[in-house]
Amino acid sequence: MTESPAARPPFSFTVEARDPGSAARAGILHTPHGDVETPTFMAVGTQGTVKTLTSEQVTATGTRIVLGNTYHLSMRPGAEAVAELGGLHSFTGWPGPTLTDSGGFQVYSLEGLREVDDDGVTFQSHFDGTKMRLGPEEAVRLQELIGADIIMALDECLPYPVERGAAAASLERTLRWARRCADARTREDQALFAVIQGATYRDLRLRCAEELAALDLPGYAIGGLSVGEGPDLMAEVLSYTAPAMPEDRPRYLMGVGPPEDILAAVEAGVDMFDCVMPTRNARGGGAFTADGKRHLRRACYRDDPGPVEPGCGCYCCRSFSRGYIRHLLNVGEVTGATLLSIHNLSFYARFMGEIRDAVAAGDLSGYAKGFRARYRDSAD
């Protein structure tokens, strides 16, 4: 008997199909602000916006879930201000599902502006130098104020390479922080995900996965990858980490964006992805296509009348030429970045949809073979 939406808890995950040739699966993530088909790619809106785009434009790309960042939103305008303005959905005008990072990535990215101890992290603001203390309980409190559907446990993300002793000590800290985050929750309409760390050490990753699974949380993430280890080592880590995660919960690979890496991760059993890559590349003139990335600032596109990607139905490709996009980029018009961001997010949404269809058809291997034969680092 199918469960009715009214009887369903605020957050749940259903696996709808499995690929017979890999660990890939297709499912539906149920949240208070709508359902998301998985595997899915989530757009990054660090400071409450997907750069250069309105929420309506993001929706038109096929994107179904958007990320915010606890560290940045707590610095400016402040989590309390977001709450007073109705929470993240009302504040940003985004009606769909949302996720907030705990600030754990800033432990990695702001290495020179933070101090880590067993109880948390002290940041020195990269805006004005003021101090911000972020512990597990505070990370949960801030995210409850901000109001995303999915919130992340505070973790420590390490660079690559890292010695085993340092990775083991960091793992212990991440486990303690996850338990404290789980105990600190007060809202039933938010789903807490914990983050599996352990660098590139198999036994550490597997231990972390096992101990976090015991917390019985709504979902789990893989952190500490795409930090310099390269695609082959990333694939190796995923090959044993993803199968160790709970089968009936969503699996989220944090911060990974190259299409070829996403495809390999889906084959390993991962369901959710995020990265700034589509919009960051757009601002630099990079356009993702089925043949690879095009660099539209190049002179070869000056008189090109064709769309960014033939066959793409996004607003950018329906309405403008490569030559026009190149012109906008080269004269510094922000509209160029907006149009390419629309295209790139549309590409990612289409790419994930094709993966879901291939899993549902039981032929992800056939799709992957064709994609890899066609896709190149550069299509120019």
Protein backbone atom coordinates (compact mmCIF):
# COMPACT_ATOMS: atom_id res chain seq x y z
CA MET A 1 0.00 0.00 0.00
CA THR A 2 1.43 3.38 -1.00
CA GLU A 3 2.01 5.77 1.86
CA SER A 4 -0.02 8.96 1.53
CA PRO A 5 1.81 12.33 1.64
CA ALA A 6 -0.14 13.23 4.79
CA ALA A 7 1.15 10.12 6.57
CA ARG A 8 4.74 10.62 5.45
CA PRO A 9 7.26 12.12 7.90
CA PRO A 10 8.70 15.57 7.05
CA PHE A 11 11.78 13.96 5.55
CA SER A 12 12.20 10.54 3.93
CA PHE A 13 14.02 8.79 1.10
CA THR A 14 12.72 6.11 -1.24
CA VAL A 15 14.83 4.05 -3.65
CA GLU A 16 12.79 3.54 -6.82
CA ALA A 17 15.22 1.74 -9.14
CA ARG A 18 18.63 0.08 -9.10
CA ASP A 19 21.11 -0.40 -11.89
CA PRO A 20 22.01 -4.08 -12.34
CA GLY A 21 25.54 -3.33 -13.56
CA SER A 22 26.65 -0.99 -10.76
CA ALA A 23 25.73 0.28 -7.30
CA ALA A 24 23.75 3.19 -8.79
CA ARG A 25 20.20 3.80 -7.70
CA ALA A 26 17.43 6.27 -8.53
CA GLY A 27 15.15 7.56 -5.82
CA ILE A 28 13.02 10.34 -4.41
CA LEU A 29 14.02 12.60 -1.55
CA HIS A 30 10.91 13.85 0.27
CA THR A 31 11.28 17.19 2.09
CA PRO A 32 8.86 19.72 3.61
CA HIS A 33 9.39 21.95 0.56
CA GLY A 34 8.96 19.34 -2.13
CA ASP A 35 10.35 16.16 -3.59
CA VAL A 36 13.71 15.79 -5.33
CA GLU A 37 14.51 13.01 -7.77
CA THR A 38 17.92 11.46 -7.20
CA PRO A 39 20.69 11.32 -8.28
CA THR A 40 20.55 15.10 -8.15
CA PHE A 41 22.89 18.05 -8.52
CA MET A 42 22.32 20.91 -6.09
CA ALA A 43 23.06 24.52 -7.01
CA VAL A 44 25.24 26.46 -4.59
CA GLY A 45 23.85 29.71 -3.17
CA THR A 46 26.50 30.38 -0.55
CA GLN A 47 25.31 33.80 0.55
CA GLY A 48 21.61 33.33 -0.08
CA THR A 49 21.73 33.46 -3.86
CA VAL A 50 22.97 31.41 -6.78
CA LYS A 51 25.36 34.00 -8.18
CA THR A 52 23.88 36.25 -10.92
CA LEU A 53 20.54 34.38 -10.94
CA THR A 54 17.09 34.93 -9.46
CA SER A 55 15.23 32.04 -7.86
CA GLU A 56 12.87 31.99 -10.83
CA GLN A 57 15.80 31.62 -13.22
CA VAL A 58 17.24 28.80 -11.12
CA THR A 59 13.91 26.98 -11.18
CA ALA A 60 13.76 27.28 -14.97
CA THR A 61 17.04 25.37 -15.29
CA GLY A 62 15.49 22.26 -13.76
CA THR A 63 17.43 22.65 -10.50
CA ARG A 64 15.37 21.39 -7.56
CA ILE A 65 17.48 22.04 -4.46
CA VAL A 66 19.74 24.95 -3.47
CA LEU A 67 22.47 25.23 -0.83
CA GLY A 68 23.25 28.02 1.58
CA ASN A 69 26.28 28.32 3.85
CA THR A 70 26.01 28.67 7.61
CA TYR A 71 29.35 30.43 8.07
CA HIS A 72 28.68 33.09 5.44
CA LEU A 73 25.03 33.70 6.32
CA SER A 74 25.90 33.92 10.01
CA MET A 75 28.57 36.50 9.26
CA ARG A 76 26.32 38.54 6.98
CA PRO A 77 23.46 39.33 7.57
CA GLY A 78 23.38 37.04 10.64
CA ALA A 79 21.33 33.91 11.28
CA GLU A 80 18.97 35.90 13.49
CA ALA A 81 18.29 38.35 10.67
CA VAL A 82 17.52 35.48 8.28
CA ALA A 83 15.12 34.04 10.86
CA GLU A 84 13.42 37.40 11.40
CA LEU A 85 12.88 37.68 7.66
CA GLY A 86 11.06 34.35 7.57
CA GLY A 87 13.89 31.83 7.27
CA LEU A 88 15.97 30.83 4.27
CA HIS A 89 13.07 30.14 1.90
CA SER A 90 11.29 33.43 2.51
CA PHE A 91 14.55 35.36 2.76
CA THR A 92 15.83 34.16 -0.63
CA GLY A 93 12.56 33.68 -2.47
CA TRP A 94 13.47 30.06 -3.20
CA PRO A 95 10.38 27.87 -2.67
CA GLY A 96 12.01 24.47 -3.06
CA PRO A 97 14.16 22.27 -0.84
CA THR A 98 17.30 23.73 0.73
CA LEU A 99 20.44 22.51 2.47
CA THR A 100 22.98 24.39 4.58
CA ASP A 101 26.61 23.43 5.10
CA SER A 102 27.63 23.58 8.75
CA GLY A 103 30.69 25.74 8.15
CA GLY A 104 32.89 22.64 8.14
CA PHE A 105 34.25 23.38 4.66
CA GLN A 106 35.51 26.74 5.92
CA VAL A 107 37.68 24.79 8.38
CA TYR A 108 39.50 23.71 5.21
CA SER A 109 39.17 26.77 2.98
CA LEU A 110 39.95 29.41 5.63
CA GLU A 111 42.91 27.60 7.17
CA GLY A 112 44.81 30.79 7.90
CA LEU A 113 41.83 32.44 9.60
CA ARG A 114 40.75 29.76 12.07
CA GLU A 115 41.86 27.76 15.06
CA VAL A 116 40.47 24.28 15.72
CA ASP A 117 40.22 22.61 19.11
CA ASP A 118 38.23 19.67 20.46
CA ASP A 119 35.21 21.84 21.24
CA GLY A 120 34.92 23.67 17.94
CA VAL A 121 36.43 26.30 15.67
CA THR A 122 37.27 29.97 16.21
CA PHE A 123 37.14 31.92 12.96
CA GLN A 124 38.53 35.36 12.30
CA SER A 125 36.11 36.97 9.88
CA HIS A 126 37.53 37.44 6.39
CA PHE A 127 35.23 40.49 6.16
CA ASP A 128 36.23 42.62 9.14
CA GLY A 129 38.44 40.49 11.41
CA THR A 130 35.84 39.89 14.13
CA LYS A 131 35.89 36.53 15.91
CA MET A 132 33.23 33.86 15.46
CA ARG A 133 33.08 30.75 17.61
CA LEU A 134 31.47 27.71 15.99
CA GLY A 135 30.97 24.52 17.97
CA PRO A 136 28.61 21.62 17.27
CA GLU A 137 25.74 23.04 19.28
CA GLU A 138 26.17 26.50 17.79
CA ALA A 139 26.30 25.06 14.26
CA VAL A 140 22.94 23.39 14.86
CA ARG A 141 21.45 26.48 16.52
CA LEU A 142 22.46 28.69 13.60
CA GLN A 143 21.13 26.26 11.03
CA GLU A 144 17.85 25.95 12.89
CA LEU A 145 17.54 29.73 12.77
CA ILE A 146 18.40 29.83 9.07
CA GLY A 147 15.81 27.14 8.47
CA ALA A 148 17.04 24.86 5.67
CA ASP A 149 15.34 21.51 5.10
CA ILE A 150 18.63 19.63 5.42
CA ILE A 151 21.34 20.70 7.87
CA MET A 152 24.86 19.35 8.25
CA ALA A 153 26.72 18.24 11.35
CA LEU A 154 29.93 20.16 12.03
CA ASP A 155 32.98 18.26 10.80
CA GLU A 156 36.66 18.86 10.19
CA CYS A 157 37.66 18.75 6.52
CA LEU A 158 41.38 18.08 6.01
CA PRO A 159 43.56 18.83 2.98
CA TYR A 160 45.32 16.19 0.90
CA PRO A 161 47.76 14.70 1.68
CA VAL A 162 47.53 14.29 5.45
CA GLU A 163 49.44 11.92 7.70
CA ARG A 164 47.53 9.06 9.23
CA GLY A 165 47.96 10.28 12.82
CA ALA A 166 46.46 13.66 12.02
CA ALA A 167 43.63 12.03 10.05
CA ALA A 168 42.82 9.69 12.95
CA ALA A 169 42.77 12.53 15.49
CA SER A 170 40.56 14.60 13.20
CA LEU A 171 38.22 11.64 12.73
CA GLU A 172 37.72 11.35 16.49
CA ARG A 173 36.85 15.04 16.62
CA THR A 174 34.36 14.73 13.76
CA LEU A 175 32.65 11.77 15.45
CA ARG A 176 32.32 13.63 18.75
CA TRP A 177 30.96 16.70 16.99
CA ALA A 178 28.40 14.61 15.09
CA ARG A 179 27.08 13.08 18.32
CA ARG A 180 26.83 16.51 19.91
CA CYS A 181 25.01 17.88 16.85
CA ALA A 182 22.54 15.01 17.02
CA ASP A 183 21.87 15.76 20.71
CA ALA A 184 21.46 19.50 20.05
CA ARG A 185 18.58 19.24 17.55
CA THR A 186 15.27 20.82 18.51
CA ARG A 187 13.40 21.05 15.17
CA GLU A 188 11.58 18.03 13.76
CA ASP A 189 11.13 19.58 10.31
CA GLN A 190 14.85 19.54 9.52
CA ALA A 191 16.98 16.55 8.56
CA LEU A 192 20.48 16.34 10.04
CA PHE A 193 23.16 14.71 7.87
CA ALA A 194 26.50 13.64 9.38
CA VAL A 195 29.74 13.74 7.39
CA ILE A 196 32.05 10.76 6.91
CA GLN A 197 35.69 11.74 7.11
CA GLY A 198 38.94 9.75 7.32
CA ALA A 199 41.02 11.21 4.49
CA THR A 200 42.21 8.46 2.11
CA TYR A 201 42.60 5.78 4.77
CA ARG A 202 40.19 2.88 4.20
CA ASP A 203 39.95 1.71 7.81
CA LEU A 204 39.30 5.24 9.07
CA ARG A 205 36.56 5.85 6.51
CA LEU A 206 34.86 2.54 7.29
CA ARG A 207 35.02 3.13 11.02
CA CYS A 208 33.56 6.60 10.62
CA ALA A 209 30.75 5.27 8.45
CA GLU A 210 29.92 2.55 10.97
CA GLU A 211 29.87 4.84 14.01
CA LEU A 212 27.85 7.55 12.29
CA ALA A 213 25.33 4.99 11.04
CA ALA A 214 24.66 4.10 14.68
CA LEU A 215 23.25 7.62 15.16
CA ASP A 216 20.36 6.66 12.84
CA LEU A 217 20.25 10.02 11.08
CA PRO A 218 18.10 10.84 8.02
CA GLY A 219 21.11 11.03 5.69
CA TYR A 220 24.88 10.85 5.40
CA ALA A 221 27.55 12.71 3.45
CA ILE A 222 31.07 11.96 2.28
CA GLY A 223 33.40 14.86 2.98
CA GLY A 224 37.10 15.47 2.56
CA LEU A 225 37.29 14.62 -1.15
CA SER A 226 37.99 16.88 -4.13
CA VAL A 227 40.70 18.50 -2.00
CA GLY A 228 43.66 17.57 -4.21
CA GLU A 229 43.66 13.78 -4.23
CA GLY A 230 42.72 13.43 -7.92
CA PRO A 231 39.90 11.48 -9.60
CA ASP A 232 41.47 8.01 -9.39
CA LEU A 233 42.06 8.15 -5.64
CA MET A 234 38.63 9.74 -5.14
CA ALA A 235 37.04 6.82 -7.01
CA GLU A 236 38.96 4.36 -4.86
CA VAL A 237 37.74 6.00 -1.64
CA LEU A 238 34.16 6.05 -2.92
CA SER A 239 34.35 2.39 -3.93
CA TYR A 240 34.53 1.30 -0.30
CA THR A 241 32.92 4.26 1.51
CA ALA A 242 29.58 4.45 -0.33
CA PRO A 243 28.71 0.74 0.19
CA ALA A 244 29.40 1.17 3.92
CA MET A 245 26.72 3.86 4.22
CA PRO A 246 23.12 2.99 5.18
CA GLU A 247 21.31 1.55 2.17
CA ASP A 248 18.00 3.26 2.93
CA ARG A 249 19.36 6.80 3.45
CA PRO A 250 20.51 9.39 0.89
CA ARG A 251 24.24 9.53 0.23
CA TYR A 252 25.70 12.96 -0.45
CA LEU A 253 29.17 13.59 -1.93
CA MET A 254 30.12 17.11 -0.90
CA GLY A 255 31.73 19.61 -3.25
CA VAL A 256 32.29 17.41 -6.32
CA GLY A 257 31.32 18.92 -9.68
CA PRO A 258 33.13 17.58 -12.79
CA PRO A 259 30.57 15.58 -14.76
CA GLU A 260 32.91 12.62 -15.20
CA ASP A 261 33.50 12.48 -11.42
CA ILE A 262 29.76 12.69 -10.73
CA LEU A 263 29.08 9.79 -13.09
CA ALA A 264 31.72 7.64 -11.38
CA ALA A 265 30.28 8.50 -7.97
CA VAL A 266 26.74 7.60 -9.09
CA GLU A 267 28.09 4.22 -10.22
CA ALA A 268 29.48 3.80 -6.69
CA GLY A 269 26.04 4.47 -5.17
CA VAL A 270 26.02 8.23 -4.43
CA ASP A 271 22.74 10.17 -4.70
CA MET A 272 23.44 13.87 -4.12
CA PHE A 273 26.07 16.34 -5.35
CA ASP A 274 26.88 20.04 -5.12
CA CYS A 275 29.57 22.30 -6.47
CA VAL A 276 30.14 25.92 -7.49
CA MET A 277 31.60 24.69 -10.78
CA PRO A 278 28.64 25.49 -13.10
CA THR A 279 28.29 29.13 -12.03
CA ARG A 280 31.98 29.79 -11.35
CA ASN A 281 32.91 28.53 -14.81
CA ALA A 282 30.11 30.61 -16.31
CA ARG A 283 31.57 33.79 -14.84
CA GLY A 284 34.87 32.92 -16.48
CA GLY A 285 33.34 32.07 -19.84
CA GLY A 286 33.24 28.29 -19.48
CA ALA A 287 30.19 26.49 -20.90
CA PHE A 288 29.47 22.80 -20.23
CA THR A 289 28.19 20.75 -23.16
CA ALA A 290 27.74 17.06 -23.95
CA ASP A 291 31.04 17.25 -25.87
CA GLY A 292 32.95 18.92 -23.04
CA LYS A 293 33.58 22.45 -21.88
CA ARG A 294 33.75 25.36 -24.31
CA HIS A 295 35.72 28.50 -23.52
CA LEU A 296 33.58 31.22 -25.02
CA ARG A 297 36.02 34.08 -24.52
CA ARG A 298 38.16 32.63 -27.31
CA ALA A 299 38.45 34.48 -30.60
CA CYS A 300 37.10 31.53 -32.57
CA TYR A 301 33.62 32.35 -31.27
CA ARG A 302 33.60 36.04 -32.27
CA ASP A 303 31.41 35.53 -35.35
CA ASP A 304 29.80 32.23 -34.32
CA PRO A 305 26.01 32.34 -34.86
CA GLY A 306 25.28 29.00 -33.22
CA PRO A 307 23.89 28.40 -29.74
CA VAL A 308 26.17 27.56 -26.84
CA GLU A 309 25.10 23.92 -27.19
CA PRO A 310 23.10 22.69 -30.18
CA GLY A 311 19.98 20.87 -29.03
CA CYS A 312 19.90 22.47 -25.59
CA GLY A 313 16.50 23.96 -24.81
CA CYS A 314 17.57 26.43 -22.12
CA TYR A 315 16.77 30.15 -22.42
CA CYS A 316 20.39 30.99 -23.24
CA CYS A 317 20.62 28.51 -26.11
CA ARG A 318 17.15 29.28 -27.45
CA SER A 319 17.77 33.00 -27.60
CA PHE A 320 21.45 33.93 -28.08
CA SER A 321 24.51 33.05 -30.12
CA ARG A 322 27.98 32.11 -28.99
CA GLY A 323 29.20 35.31 -30.62
CA TYR A 324 26.86 37.41 -28.49
CA ILE A 325 27.76 35.60 -25.28
CA ARG A 326 31.46 36.09 -26.07
CA HIS A 327 30.86 39.80 -26.61
CA LEU A 328 29.10 40.18 -23.26
CA LEU A 329 31.88 38.35 -21.43
CA ASN A 330 34.67 40.30 -23.07
CA VAL A 331 33.14 43.71 -22.35
CA GLY A 332 32.42 42.78 -18.72
CA GLU A 333 28.63 42.68 -18.92
CA VAL A 334 27.21 40.58 -16.07
CA THR A 335 24.43 39.40 -18.39
CA GLY A 336 26.98 37.12 -20.03
CA ALA A 337 27.63 35.36 -16.72
CA THR A 338 23.88 35.15 -16.07
CA LEU A 339 23.15 33.53 -19.42
CA LEU A 340 26.00 31.04 -19.15
CA SER A 341 24.98 30.19 -15.58
CA ILE A 342 21.48 29.43 -16.86
CA HIS A 343 22.96 27.16 -19.50
CA ASN A 344 25.42 25.40 -17.19
CA LEU A 345 22.83 24.63 -14.51
CA SER A 346 20.48 23.45 -17.26
CA PHE A 347 23.24 21.16 -18.54
CA TYR A 348 23.75 19.67 -15.08
CA ALA A 349 20.01 19.17 -14.58
CA ARG A 350 19.73 17.47 -17.96
CA PHE A 351 22.82 15.35 -17.25
CA MET A 352 21.39 14.13 -13.95
CA GLY A 353 18.05 13.42 -15.61
CA GLU A 354 19.77 11.29 -18.25
CA ILE A 355 21.56 9.37 -15.49
CA ARG A 356 18.27 8.77 -13.65
CA ASP A 357 16.63 7.55 -16.85
CA ALA A 358 19.54 5.19 -17.54
CA VAL A 359 19.34 3.75 -14.02
CA ALA A 360 15.58 3.28 -14.35
CA ALA A 361 16.12 1.51 -17.67
CA GLY A 362 18.78 -0.73 -16.14
CA ASP A 363 21.46 0.44 -18.55
CA LEU A 364 23.69 2.96 -16.82
CA SER A 365 26.74 1.18 -18.25
CA GLY A 366 25.54 1.90 -21.80
CA TYR A 367 24.89 5.55 -21.00
CA ALA A 368 28.24 5.90 -19.22
CA LYS A 369 30.12 4.36 -22.14
CA GLY A 370 28.54 6.78 -24.58
CA PHE A 371 29.07 9.78 -22.32
CA ARG A 372 32.73 8.99 -21.73
CA ALA A 373 33.37 8.41 -25.42
CA ARG A 374 31.99 11.86 -26.26
CA TYR A 375 32.86 14.11 -23.30
CA ARG A 376 36.25 15.81 -23.33
CA ASP A 377 37.97 18.29 -21.03
CA SER A 378 37.65 20.84 -23.80
CA ALA A 379 35.22 20.87 -26.71
CA ASP A 380 36.95 23.79 -28.45
